[in-house]
Amino acid sequence: MKGLIYSLRLLSLRKKSPTFQNISTQVEILAGMNPMRDFFYIIRINQSMQDMSDMELLFLSILLLLTLYLKIHFSKPKKITNGYSKLPPGKTGWPVIGETLEFLSKGRKGTPEKFFRERMDKFSPDIFKTSLLGEKTAVLCGSAGNKFLFSNENKLVTSWWPRNVEKIFPTSLQTSTKEESIKMRKLLPGFLKPDALQKYVGIMDSIAREHLEINWDLNREITVLPLAKQYTFAVACRLFLSIDDPKHIAKFEKPFHVLVAGVLSIPINLPGTNFNRAIKAANLIRKELLEIIRRRKIELVMEKMSMSIQDILSHMLITTDENGKFMTDLDIADKIIGLLIGGHDTASAAITFIIKYLAELPEIYHGVLKEQRGIAEGKRPGELLNWDDMQKMKFSWNVASEVMRLAPPLQGNFREAITDFMYAGFSIPKGWKLYWTANSTHKNPEYFPEPEKFDPSRFEDNGPIPYTYVPFGGGPRMCPGKEYARLEILAFMYNIVRMFKWEKIIPDEKIVVDPMPMPEKGLPIHLYRH
């Protein structure tokens, strides 16, 4: 590279134009710069270019482009400590933005799996490199890739979220992602273990009944997605915070949806952007939560909490870490916001697609209806669902599972390499991001024959091969909220199929993935009361 710059300087010095003599020094500086700043530096050259002839301008343009190209594409790769330098095959796309735009574009067209399938076919079915969200990324594919990442959490890799998440949740900057992940995995099982979940079944059932009676029963036409979000948000508010007042829930709901829309948006913090609105919404929600926490602390001290001690807020307030320290109020508020996002958005997407597929597949709808009517016939009028009822809903859960295979609410997630390691014969440097995706297995005919066919029987007996069906992760990294989501979804299915039949208003409504799958218009349907 130094030889090239020296040659370019000699060439420019032979020119008669003093302008070129001035520019040659600037080009040498430019070649050593960070590509992210190159474009800003070029602006500084503009004044020198005003007096140049067309030929000089053309020469300079070619010189600058050549220098940038060689700087970006022929810089020596960083050596990694284990002595290997064979990086995964693939391409990283444009400087800075990488292949992010193509990655997002495939999702918005409703075909996110194409981004991965094309690269698996071209480079390797096991692993390929790319650049997403400004980060060098290795995508691990197939069941082996899923197993490797899930099994090496906090050994070789740790959870990672894009930087804009850190800006929305300021307490995440106080500790590492690894520490936060460990803390939450120790905290949640006490709230989400089976004996605790059994108490929530009847509450979920009553919320589903009330929601359908108020928001669905009096309408001939409804749009499913926003109402599914309303249901799952009401469940989360009741079980996480013991809030059941509709007015209080509504106070949270609007800013909460603004927050969700901006969490994974482009992190440009300017007025009017989704990211800016998300930061403001998070601050508003956080302020309200801090007031709820303050009141709850008083109630706990005065022993006025008898029933709501079961909710996750009280659980966080009375739980200490290994050093006997309690979490700060701000830390609890941010964790509650994170749980509200995780406990509401994925379940609402799953419910929306369950409604979609039941409208398209009458035989599947009638199979679910038959099972749920059989459960209802064994209960007294008005009796709520219980834990044993949920265990009988095998066909209904197989249907829900097949829906999540075809339209996984969580498309994938990032990890970060915390040390250098080898995978499938390739080096993964420390600091690289890794990505697992349900799209490398869920529609792969190697694991699911006739992958586009809707077939709930895939989940009978032992079900799919381990680590091929991953809407909730897998192995040691199985989502601790999986059982919570199962109960929430089944309670909704139990009530809706016994109350209504329905049909889609837009037969071929487009599906977009941004970042979760959703019908473009929210799935409007006609309702018919049984």
Protein backbone atom coordinates (compact mmCIF):
# COMPACT_ATOMS: atom_id res chain seq x y z
CA MET A 1 0.00 0.00 0.00
CA LYS A 2 2.89 2.42 0.84
CA GLY A 3 4.45 1.66 -2.54
CA LEU A 4 1.22 2.53 -4.30
CA ILE A 5 0.94 5.85 -2.45
CA TYR A 6 4.58 6.68 -3.26
CA SER A 7 3.97 6.01 -6.96
CA LEU A 8 0.82 8.13 -6.94
CA ARG A 9 2.71 11.01 -5.32
CA LEU A 10 5.47 10.86 -7.97
CA LEU A 11 2.82 10.84 -10.67
CA SER A 12 1.08 13.87 -9.21
CA LEU A 13 4.36 15.78 -8.78
CA ARG A 14 5.07 15.40 -12.51
CA LYS A 15 1.85 17.34 -13.19
CA LYS A 16 2.23 21.06 -13.84
CA SER A 17 -0.90 21.87 -11.88
CA PRO A 18 -0.17 23.07 -8.32
CA THR A 19 -3.61 21.78 -7.43
CA PHE A 20 -2.48 18.21 -8.03
CA GLN A 21 0.59 18.72 -5.93
CA ASN A 22 -1.66 19.80 -3.08
CA ILE A 23 -4.05 16.92 -3.57
CA SER A 24 -1.40 14.19 -3.55
CA THR A 25 -0.62 14.73 0.12
CA GLN A 26 -4.32 14.63 0.99
CA VAL A 27 -4.78 11.34 -0.90
CA GLU A 28 -1.94 9.78 1.10
CA ILE A 29 -3.70 10.78 4.32
CA LEU A 30 -7.01 9.54 2.97
CA ALA A 31 -5.61 6.09 2.26
CA GLY A 32 -4.80 5.57 5.91
CA MET A 33 -8.16 6.66 7.21
CA ASN A 34 -11.09 4.73 8.58
CA PRO A 35 -13.54 4.17 5.67
CA MET A 36 -16.41 5.40 7.86
CA ARG A 37 -14.85 8.88 7.80
CA ASP A 38 -13.65 8.91 4.17
CA PHE A 39 -16.70 10.60 2.75
CA PHE A 40 -16.48 13.45 5.25
CA TYR A 41 -12.81 13.97 4.38
CA ILE A 42 -13.56 14.13 0.65
CA ILE A 43 -15.76 17.16 1.36
CA ARG A 44 -12.63 19.01 2.51
CA ILE A 45 -11.08 18.48 -0.92
CA ASN A 46 -14.00 20.03 -2.79
CA GLN A 47 -12.63 23.60 -2.62
CA SER A 48 -9.34 22.49 -4.15
CA MET A 49 -11.25 20.86 -7.00
CA GLN A 50 -13.05 24.00 -8.17
CA ASP A 51 -10.12 25.24 -10.30
CA MET A 52 -9.31 21.85 -11.82
CA SER A 53 -9.79 20.92 -15.49
CA ASP A 54 -12.09 18.07 -16.52
CA MET A 55 -9.11 15.77 -17.11
CA GLU A 56 -7.63 16.60 -13.73
CA LEU A 57 -10.98 16.04 -12.05
CA LEU A 58 -11.37 12.69 -13.79
CA PHE A 59 -7.86 11.64 -12.77
CA LEU A 60 -8.45 12.63 -9.15
CA SER A 61 -11.78 10.80 -9.05
CA ILE A 62 -10.19 7.61 -10.34
CA LEU A 63 -7.28 7.99 -7.93
CA LEU A 64 -9.57 8.47 -4.92
CA LEU A 65 -11.85 5.57 -5.83
CA LEU A 66 -8.88 3.27 -6.44
CA THR A 67 -7.33 4.24 -3.12
CA LEU A 68 -10.57 3.64 -1.22
CA TYR A 69 -11.12 0.31 -2.98
CA LEU A 70 -7.63 -0.95 -2.17
CA LYS A 71 -7.87 0.30 1.42
CA ILE A 72 -11.15 -1.48 2.03
CA HIS A 73 -10.58 -4.72 0.16
CA PHE A 74 -6.86 -5.38 0.61
CA SER A 75 -6.23 -4.36 4.19
CA LYS A 76 -4.49 -7.17 6.04
CA PRO A 77 -6.96 -9.25 8.06
CA LYS A 78 -6.56 -8.98 11.79
CA LYS A 79 -4.56 -11.90 13.17
CA ILE A 80 -6.31 -13.89 15.84
CA THR A 81 -4.62 -15.37 18.81
CA ASN A 82 -5.15 -19.04 18.02
CA GLY A 83 -2.98 -18.71 14.92
CA TYR A 84 -5.68 -19.41 12.35
CA SER A 85 -6.75 -16.89 9.73
CA LYS A 86 -9.19 -18.88 7.59
CA LEU A 87 -12.37 -16.88 7.96
CA PRO A 88 -15.75 -18.26 6.84
CA PRO A 89 -16.59 -17.86 3.15
CA GLY A 90 -19.01 -15.14 2.13
CA LYS A 91 -19.13 -11.45 1.36
CA THR A 92 -19.52 -8.38 3.54
CA GLY A 93 -21.18 -6.06 1.04
CA TRP A 94 -20.83 -2.30 1.16
CA PRO A 95 -18.61 -0.45 3.61
CA VAL A 96 -20.32 0.24 6.94
CA ILE A 97 -23.83 -0.91 5.95
CA GLY A 98 -22.66 -4.31 4.72
CA GLU A 99 -25.56 -6.47 3.55
CA THR A 100 -28.06 -5.00 6.02
CA LEU A 101 -30.29 -3.46 3.34
CA GLU A 102 -30.60 -6.73 1.42
CA PHE A 103 -31.22 -8.60 4.69
CA LEU A 104 -34.04 -6.21 5.62
CA SER A 105 -35.39 -6.07 2.06
CA LYS A 106 -35.85 -9.84 1.87
CA GLY A 107 -37.83 -9.70 5.12
CA ARG A 108 -40.07 -6.88 3.93
CA LYS A 109 -40.81 -8.89 0.81
CA GLY A 110 -41.93 -11.76 3.04
CA THR A 111 -39.07 -14.09 2.06
CA PRO A 112 -36.40 -13.75 4.78
CA GLU A 113 -35.30 -17.35 4.22
CA LYS A 114 -34.01 -16.43 0.73
CA PHE A 115 -31.22 -14.28 2.17
CA PHE A 116 -29.87 -17.31 4.04
CA ARG A 117 -30.67 -19.99 1.46
CA GLU A 118 -28.87 -18.11 -1.34
CA ARG A 119 -25.70 -17.80 0.74
CA MET A 120 -25.85 -21.35 2.06
CA ASP A 121 -26.06 -22.59 -1.54
CA LYS A 122 -23.28 -20.30 -2.75
CA PHE A 123 -20.77 -20.43 0.12
CA SER A 124 -21.43 -23.20 2.64
CA PRO A 125 -24.45 -24.99 4.16
CA ASP A 126 -22.74 -24.75 7.56
CA ILE A 127 -21.50 -21.17 7.92
CA PHE A 128 -21.00 -17.98 5.96
CA LYS A 129 -19.80 -14.48 6.75
CA THR A 130 -21.67 -11.26 6.12
CA SER A 131 -21.98 -7.79 7.65
CA LEU A 132 -25.20 -6.85 9.43
CA LEU A 133 -26.03 -3.69 11.39
CA GLY A 134 -22.44 -2.49 10.95
CA GLU A 135 -20.96 -5.66 12.48
CA LYS A 136 -18.85 -8.45 11.00
CA THR A 137 -21.13 -11.45 11.37
CA ALA A 138 -20.86 -15.21 10.92
CA VAL A 139 -24.19 -16.95 10.32
CA LEU A 140 -24.23 -20.51 11.67
CA CYS A 141 -26.71 -22.67 9.77
CA GLY A 142 -28.58 -25.91 10.25
CA SER A 143 -29.27 -27.91 13.38
CA ALA A 144 -25.52 -28.25 14.10
CA GLY A 145 -25.09 -24.46 14.05
CA ASN A 146 -28.07 -23.95 16.35
CA LYS A 147 -26.81 -26.58 18.77
CA PHE A 148 -23.31 -25.11 18.82
CA LEU A 149 -24.50 -21.59 19.70
CA PHE A 150 -27.13 -22.67 22.23
CA SER A 151 -24.71 -25.04 23.97
CA ASN A 152 -21.81 -22.60 24.24
CA GLU A 153 -23.57 -19.67 25.85
CA ASN A 154 -21.16 -17.87 28.21
CA LYS A 155 -18.39 -20.30 27.19
CA LEU A 156 -17.52 -19.19 23.66
CA VAL A 157 -20.37 -16.76 22.95
CA THR A 158 -22.68 -14.43 24.83
CA SER A 159 -25.94 -12.66 24.02
CA TRP A 160 -25.63 -9.47 22.01
CA TRP A 161 -28.07 -6.75 21.02
CA PRO A 162 -27.56 -3.88 18.56
CA ARG A 163 -26.26 -0.62 20.04
CA ASN A 164 -29.60 1.18 19.73
CA VAL A 165 -31.03 -1.17 22.37
CA GLU A 166 -28.38 0.08 24.80
CA LYS A 167 -29.44 3.67 24.15
CA ILE A 168 -33.08 2.88 24.92
CA PHE A 169 -32.24 0.85 28.03
CA PRO A 170 -29.52 2.85 29.85
CA THR A 171 -29.04 0.34 32.68
CA SER A 172 -27.74 -2.19 30.14
CA LEU A 173 -24.56 -0.08 29.92
CA GLN A 174 -23.81 -0.60 33.62
CA THR A 175 -23.10 -4.31 33.26
CA SER A 176 -22.06 -6.61 30.43
CA THR A 177 -24.58 -8.44 28.27
CA LYS A 178 -23.21 -11.68 29.71
CA GLU A 179 -23.89 -10.56 33.29
CA GLU A 180 -27.38 -9.34 32.38
CA SER A 181 -28.19 -12.65 30.67
CA ILE A 182 -27.05 -14.67 33.69
CA LYS A 183 -28.97 -12.41 36.06
CA MET A 184 -32.25 -12.78 34.15
CA ARG A 185 -31.90 -16.54 33.80
CA LYS A 186 -31.51 -16.83 37.57
CA LEU A 187 -34.42 -14.50 38.21
CA LEU A 188 -37.09 -15.79 35.83
CA PRO A 189 -37.40 -19.50 36.75
CA GLY A 190 -38.90 -18.62 40.13
CA PHE A 191 -41.72 -16.83 38.37
CA LEU A 192 -42.08 -19.13 35.35
CA LYS A 193 -41.65 -22.57 36.92
CA PRO A 194 -44.61 -24.99 36.47
CA ASP A 195 -46.04 -24.71 39.98
CA ALA A 196 -46.16 -20.90 39.59
CA LEU A 197 -47.58 -21.06 36.07
CA GLN A 198 -50.45 -23.28 37.21
CA LYS A 199 -51.87 -20.30 39.10
CA TYR A 200 -51.96 -18.18 35.95
CA VAL A 201 -54.07 -20.46 33.73
CA GLY A 202 -57.42 -19.29 35.07
CA ILE A 203 -56.30 -15.64 34.89
CA MET A 204 -55.30 -16.03 31.23
CA ASP A 205 -58.63 -17.72 30.48
CA SER A 206 -60.66 -14.94 32.11
CA ILE A 207 -58.66 -12.22 30.30
CA ALA A 208 -59.18 -14.00 26.95
CA ARG A 209 -62.96 -14.28 27.55
CA GLU A 210 -63.32 -10.64 28.54
CA HIS A 211 -61.15 -9.47 25.65
CA LEU A 212 -63.20 -11.38 23.06
CA GLU A 213 -66.53 -10.27 24.50
CA ILE A 214 -65.55 -6.59 24.54
CA ASN A 215 -63.44 -6.25 21.40
CA TRP A 216 -64.64 -9.01 19.05
CA ASP A 217 -68.19 -10.03 19.87
CA LEU A 218 -69.91 -6.78 18.88
CA ASN A 219 -68.20 -6.50 15.49
CA ARG A 220 -68.70 -8.17 12.14
CA GLU A 221 -65.24 -7.18 10.93
CA ILE A 222 -62.05 -6.79 12.96
CA THR A 223 -58.31 -6.52 12.33
CA VAL A 224 -56.54 -9.31 14.17
CA LEU A 225 -52.97 -8.10 14.81
CA PRO A 226 -53.71 -4.98 16.91
CA LEU A 227 -56.31 -6.90 18.95
CA ALA A 228 -53.93 -9.83 19.50
CA LYS A 229 -51.38 -7.32 20.81
CA GLN A 230 -54.02 -5.85 23.09
CA TYR A 231 -54.78 -9.30 24.56
CA THR A 232 -51.17 -10.31 25.17
CA PHE A 233 -50.35 -6.89 26.62
CA ALA A 234 -53.27 -7.18 29.05
CA VAL A 235 -52.04 -10.61 30.16
CA ALA A 236 -48.50 -9.28 30.66
CA CYS A 237 -49.69 -6.25 32.67
CA ARG A 238 -51.81 -8.48 34.92
CA LEU A 239 -49.18 -11.15 35.58
CA PHE A 240 -46.06 -8.96 35.65
CA LEU A 241 -47.48 -5.91 37.44
CA SER A 242 -50.92 -6.90 38.82
CA ILE A 243 -52.52 -4.16 36.70
CA ASP A 244 -56.00 -5.06 35.46
CA ASP A 245 -57.65 -1.64 35.21
CA PRO A 246 -58.32 -1.07 31.46
CA LYS A 247 -57.61 2.66 31.80
CA HIS A 248 -54.27 2.01 33.49
CA ILE A 249 -53.36 -0.57 30.83
CA ALA A 250 -54.31 1.88 28.07
CA LYS A 251 -51.97 4.44 29.63
CA PHE A 252 -49.09 2.03 28.99
CA GLU A 253 -50.27 0.55 25.72
CA LYS A 254 -49.89 3.42 23.26
CA PRO A 255 -46.32 4.43 24.22
CA PHE A 256 -45.43 0.76 24.51
CA HIS A 257 -46.31 0.09 20.85
CA VAL A 258 -44.27 3.17 19.85
CA LEU A 259 -41.35 1.72 21.82
CA VAL A 260 -41.61 -1.71 20.18
CA ALA A 261 -41.70 -0.14 16.70
CA GLY A 262 -38.43 1.68 17.37
CA VAL A 263 -36.37 -0.81 19.36
CA LEU A 264 -34.76 -2.32 16.27
CA SER A 265 -35.13 0.69 13.97
CA ILE A 266 -32.24 2.58 12.36
CA PRO A 267 -30.56 4.34 15.34
CA ILE A 268 -30.89 7.93 14.14
CA ASN A 269 -31.86 10.05 17.13
CA LEU A 270 -33.49 12.98 15.33
CA PRO A 271 -36.99 14.38 15.95
CA GLY A 272 -39.63 12.41 14.06
CA THR A 273 -37.63 9.19 13.64
CA ASN A 274 -38.87 5.88 15.04
CA PHE A 275 -35.75 5.66 17.17
CA ASN A 276 -36.29 9.11 18.70
CA ARG A 277 -39.94 8.30 19.41
CA ALA A 278 -38.90 4.99 20.99
CA ILE A 279 -36.50 6.73 23.39
CA LYS A 280 -39.23 9.19 24.44
CA ALA A 281 -41.77 6.36 24.86
CA ALA A 282 -39.32 4.33 26.97
CA ASN A 283 -38.74 7.35 29.22
CA LEU A 284 -42.49 7.80 29.65
CA ILE A 285 -43.07 4.13 30.48
CA ARG A 286 -40.05 4.07 32.78
CA LYS A 287 -41.37 7.08 34.71
CA GLU A 288 -44.73 5.36 35.24
CA LEU A 289 -43.06 2.10 36.27
CA LEU A 290 -40.85 3.86 38.81
CA GLU A 291 -43.97 5.26 40.45
CA ILE A 292 -45.56 1.78 40.51
CA ILE A 293 -42.35 0.39 42.05
CA ARG A 294 -42.36 3.12 44.72
CA ARG A 295 -45.95 2.30 45.71
CA ARG A 296 -45.30 -1.44 45.63
CA LYS A 297 -42.34 -1.10 48.00
CA ILE A 298 -44.56 0.68 50.52
CA GLU A 299 -47.22 -2.01 50.21
CA LEU A 300 -44.67 -4.77 50.72
CA VAL A 301 -43.26 -3.10 53.81
CA MET A 302 -46.76 -2.66 55.24
CA GLU A 303 -47.59 -6.27 54.26
CA LYS A 304 -50.58 -5.19 52.24
CA MET A 305 -49.66 -7.45 49.31
CA SER A 306 -51.48 -10.74 49.58
CA MET A 307 -52.28 -11.80 46.02
CA SER A 308 -50.04 -9.65 43.84
CA ILE A 309 -46.94 -10.92 45.64
CA GLN A 310 -47.15 -13.59 42.94
CA ASP A 311 -46.37 -11.11 40.15
CA ILE A 312 -42.89 -10.67 38.74
CA LEU A 313 -42.49 -7.10 40.02
CA SER A 314 -42.78 -8.22 43.64
CA HIS A 315 -40.53 -11.18 42.83
CA MET A 316 -37.84 -8.75 41.60
CA LEU A 317 -38.22 -6.48 44.60
CA ILE A 318 -37.68 -9.25 47.17
CA THR A 319 -34.98 -11.20 45.31
CA THR A 320 -31.27 -10.54 45.95
CA ASP A 321 -28.17 -11.49 43.98
CA GLU A 322 -25.40 -13.77 45.24
CA ASN A 323 -23.95 -10.86 47.24
CA GLY A 324 -27.24 -10.14 48.97
CA LYS A 325 -27.87 -6.94 47.00
CA PHE A 326 -31.28 -5.88 45.71
CA MET A 327 -31.74 -4.53 42.19
CA THR A 328 -32.10 -0.77 41.79
CA ASP A 329 -35.50 0.65 40.87
CA LEU A 330 -34.21 1.78 37.46
CA ASP A 331 -32.80 -1.68 36.77
CA ILE A 332 -36.13 -3.29 37.67
CA ALA A 333 -38.03 -0.82 35.47
CA ASP A 334 -35.84 -1.59 32.44
CA LYS A 335 -36.14 -5.33 33.01
CA ILE A 336 -39.92 -5.08 33.25
CA ILE A 337 -40.00 -3.16 29.95
CA GLY A 338 -37.84 -5.86 28.34
CA LEU A 339 -40.11 -8.61 29.67
CA LEU A 340 -43.21 -6.78 28.44
CA ILE A 341 -41.69 -6.68 24.96
CA GLY A 342 -40.63 -10.34 25.02
CA GLY A 343 -43.83 -11.59 26.66
CA HIS A 344 -46.19 -9.75 24.39
CA ASP A 345 -44.85 -9.20 20.87
CA THR A 346 -43.90 -12.76 19.92
CA ALA A 347 -47.13 -14.27 21.31
CA SER A 348 -49.29 -11.72 19.48
CA ALA A 349 -47.53 -12.54 16.19
CA ALA A 350 -48.12 -16.27 16.79
CA ILE A 351 -51.82 -15.74 17.60
CA THR A 352 -52.27 -13.64 14.45
CA PHE A 353 -50.86 -16.39 12.24
CA ILE A 354 -52.90 -19.05 14.02
CA ILE A 355 -56.03 -17.08 13.05
CA LYS A 356 -54.70 -16.80 9.48
CA TYR A 357 -54.06 -20.52 9.02
CA LEU A 358 -57.32 -21.58 10.70
CA ALA A 359 -59.17 -19.36 8.22
CA GLU A 360 -57.34 -20.96 5.28
CA LEU A 361 -57.59 -24.59 6.49
CA PRO A 362 -61.18 -25.55 7.50
CA GLU A 363 -60.23 -29.13 8.39
CA ILE A 364 -57.59 -27.89 10.82
CA TYR A 365 -60.06 -25.40 12.31
CA HIS A 366 -62.63 -28.15 12.90
CA GLY A 367 -59.99 -30.38 14.49
CA VAL A 368 -59.11 -27.63 16.97
CA LEU A 369 -62.80 -26.87 17.60
CA LYS A 370 -63.55 -30.53 18.30
CA GLU A 371 -60.73 -30.80 20.83
CA GLN A 372 -61.67 -27.57 22.63
CA ARG A 373 -65.38 -28.42 22.75
CA GLY A 374 -64.50 -31.78 24.28
CA ILE A 375 -62.57 -30.00 27.05
CA ALA A 376 -65.38 -27.48 27.61
CA GLU A 377 -68.00 -30.25 27.90
CA GLY A 378 -66.16 -31.67 30.89
CA LYS A 379 -66.40 -28.39 32.81
CA ARG A 380 -69.18 -26.69 34.78
CA PRO A 381 -70.77 -23.56 33.23
CA GLY A 382 -68.45 -20.60 33.80
CA GLU A 383 -65.63 -22.75 35.20
CA LEU A 384 -62.22 -21.47 34.18
CA LEU A 385 -59.47 -23.48 32.56
CA ASN A 386 -56.93 -25.23 34.78
CA TRP A 387 -53.51 -26.81 34.33
CA ASP A 388 -54.92 -30.27 33.54
CA ASP A 389 -57.07 -28.82 30.76
CA MET A 390 -54.01 -27.34 29.10
CA GLN A 391 -52.28 -30.73 29.01
CA LYS A 392 -55.23 -32.12 27.01
CA MET A 393 -54.82 -29.58 24.19
CA LYS A 394 -52.33 -31.68 22.25
CA PHE A 395 -53.72 -31.17 18.74
CA SER A 396 -54.21 -27.45 19.32
CA TRP A 397 -50.59 -27.05 20.43
CA ASN A 398 -49.37 -29.10 17.46
CA VAL A 399 -51.28 -26.68 15.23
CA ALA A 400 -49.74 -23.69 16.99
CA SER A 401 -46.29 -25.29 16.68
CA GLU A 402 -46.71 -25.83 12.94
CA VAL A 403 -47.79 -22.20 12.60
CA MET A 404 -44.60 -21.09 14.36
CA ARG A 405 -42.53 -23.36 12.12
CA LEU A 406 -43.90 -21.65 9.02
CA ALA A 407 -43.94 -18.14 10.53
CA PRO A 408 -41.50 -18.08 13.46
CA PRO A 409 -42.19 -14.98 15.58
CA LEU A 410 -38.48 -14.80 16.46
CA GLN A 411 -36.59 -15.12 13.19
CA GLY A 412 -33.20 -15.44 14.86
CA ASN A 413 -30.86 -13.71 17.26
CA PHE A 414 -27.31 -12.48 17.69
CA ARG A 415 -24.43 -13.68 19.83
CA GLU A 416 -20.95 -12.24 20.29
CA ALA A 417 -17.73 -14.28 20.31
CA ILE A 418 -16.02 -13.76 23.69
CA THR A 419 -12.89 -15.63 22.57
CA ASP A 420 -11.32 -16.89 19.32
CA PHE A 421 -12.58 -20.31 18.30
CA MET A 422 -12.95 -22.64 15.33
CA TYR A 423 -16.21 -23.85 13.82
CA ALA A 424 -16.62 -26.15 10.80
CA GLY A 425 -12.94 -25.59 9.94
CA PHE A 426 -13.18 -21.79 9.99
CA SER A 427 -11.87 -19.19 12.41
CA ILE A 428 -14.23 -16.96 14.38
CA PRO A 429 -12.31 -13.99 15.84
CA LYS A 430 -13.16 -12.61 19.26
CA GLY A 431 -15.63 -9.73 18.95
CA TRP A 432 -17.32 -11.03 15.81
CA LYS A 433 -21.07 -11.30 15.96
CA LEU A 434 -22.78 -14.61 15.30
CA TYR A 435 -26.33 -15.12 14.13
CA TRP A 436 -28.61 -18.14 14.35
CA THR A 437 -31.78 -18.21 12.31
CA ALA A 438 -34.87 -20.37 12.26
CA ASN A 439 -34.90 -19.83 8.49
CA SER A 440 -31.99 -22.22 7.97
CA THR A 441 -33.97 -25.17 9.36
CA HIS A 442 -37.72 -24.50 9.56
CA LYS A 443 -38.29 -24.70 5.80
CA ASN A 444 -35.41 -27.02 5.02
CA PRO A 445 -36.70 -30.22 3.33
CA GLU A 446 -33.82 -32.14 4.92
CA TYR A 447 -35.53 -31.67 8.30
CA PHE A 448 -39.17 -31.08 7.28
CA PRO A 449 -40.32 -32.95 4.14
CA GLU A 450 -42.66 -30.86 1.98
CA PRO A 451 -41.75 -27.83 4.08
CA GLU A 452 -44.49 -25.55 2.68
CA LYS A 453 -47.23 -28.04 3.59
CA PHE A 454 -49.17 -27.38 6.81
CA ASP A 455 -48.87 -30.62 8.78
CA PRO A 456 -49.38 -30.60 12.58
CA SER A 457 -48.55 -34.31 12.74
CA ARG A 458 -44.85 -33.34 12.49
CA PHE A 459 -45.06 -32.63 16.22
CA GLU A 460 -46.59 -35.93 17.33
CA ASP A 461 -44.61 -38.44 19.40
CA ASN A 462 -40.98 -37.23 19.68
CA GLY A 463 -41.49 -34.40 17.21
CA PRO A 464 -38.78 -32.81 15.03
CA ILE A 465 -35.06 -33.57 15.25
CA PRO A 466 -33.48 -31.59 18.12
CA TYR A 467 -32.32 -28.08 17.21
CA THR A 468 -34.28 -28.00 13.92
CA TYR A 469 -37.40 -26.37 15.39
CA VAL A 470 -36.25 -23.29 17.28
CA PRO A 471 -38.97 -20.62 17.76
CA PHE A 472 -38.00 -20.61 21.46
CA GLY A 473 -34.30 -21.38 21.06
CA GLY A 474 -33.12 -24.79 22.20
CA GLY A 475 -31.17 -26.87 24.69
CA PRO A 476 -29.64 -24.85 27.55
CA ARG A 477 -30.78 -21.68 25.78
CA MET A 478 -34.46 -22.62 25.61
CA CYS A 479 -36.53 -19.50 26.25
CA PRO A 480 -37.67 -19.54 29.90
CA GLY A 481 -40.95 -17.99 28.75
CA LYS A 482 -41.88 -20.88 26.44
CA GLU A 483 -44.43 -22.40 28.83
CA TYR A 484 -45.89 -18.98 29.60
CA ALA A 485 -46.39 -18.39 25.85
CA ARG A 486 -47.93 -21.86 25.41
CA LEU A 487 -50.54 -21.23 28.10
CA GLU A 488 -51.33 -17.74 26.79
CA ILE A 489 -51.81 -18.97 23.21
CA LEU A 490 -53.88 -22.02 24.18
CA ALA A 491 -56.17 -19.98 26.44
CA PHE A 492 -56.90 -17.73 23.47
CA MET A 493 -57.49 -20.66 21.07
CA TYR A 494 -59.84 -22.34 23.58
CA ASN A 495 -62.09 -19.30 23.66
CA ILE A 496 -62.00 -18.00 20.12
CA VAL A 497 -62.79 -21.23 18.22
CA ARG A 498 -65.80 -21.92 20.47
CA MET A 499 -67.13 -18.39 19.94
CA PHE A 500 -66.46 -17.71 16.25
CA LYS A 501 -65.83 -18.86 12.74
CA TRP A 502 -64.10 -16.37 10.47
CA GLU A 503 -62.79 -15.75 6.98
CA LYS A 504 -60.09 -13.48 5.59
CA ILE A 505 -61.16 -10.24 3.93
CA ILE A 506 -57.95 -10.05 1.86
CA PRO A 507 -57.39 -13.59 0.50
CA ASP A 508 -53.77 -13.07 -0.62
CA GLU A 509 -52.62 -10.55 1.97
CA LYS A 510 -48.87 -9.98 1.77
CA ILE A 511 -46.67 -11.08 4.69
CA VAL A 512 -43.79 -8.85 5.75
CA VAL A 513 -41.04 -9.52 8.28
CA ASP A 514 -39.94 -6.35 10.10
CA PRO A 515 -38.43 -7.82 12.29
CA MET A 516 -41.32 -10.19 13.15
CA PRO A 517 -43.66 -11.66 10.55
CA MET A 518 -46.98 -9.86 10.19
CA PRO A 519 -49.72 -9.53 7.59
CA GLU A 520 -49.21 -6.23 5.79
CA LYS A 521 -52.71 -4.94 6.66
CA GLY A 522 -52.91 -6.62 10.09
CA LEU A 523 -55.18 -9.49 8.92
CA PRO A 524 -58.72 -8.07 8.63
CA ILE A 525 -61.38 -10.82 8.95
CA HIS A 526 -65.16 -11.33 8.85
CA LEU A 527 -66.50 -12.80 12.11
CA TYR A 528 -69.41 -15.25 12.40
CA ARG A 529 -70.73 -16.06 15.88
CA HIS A 530 -71.44 -19.75 16.60
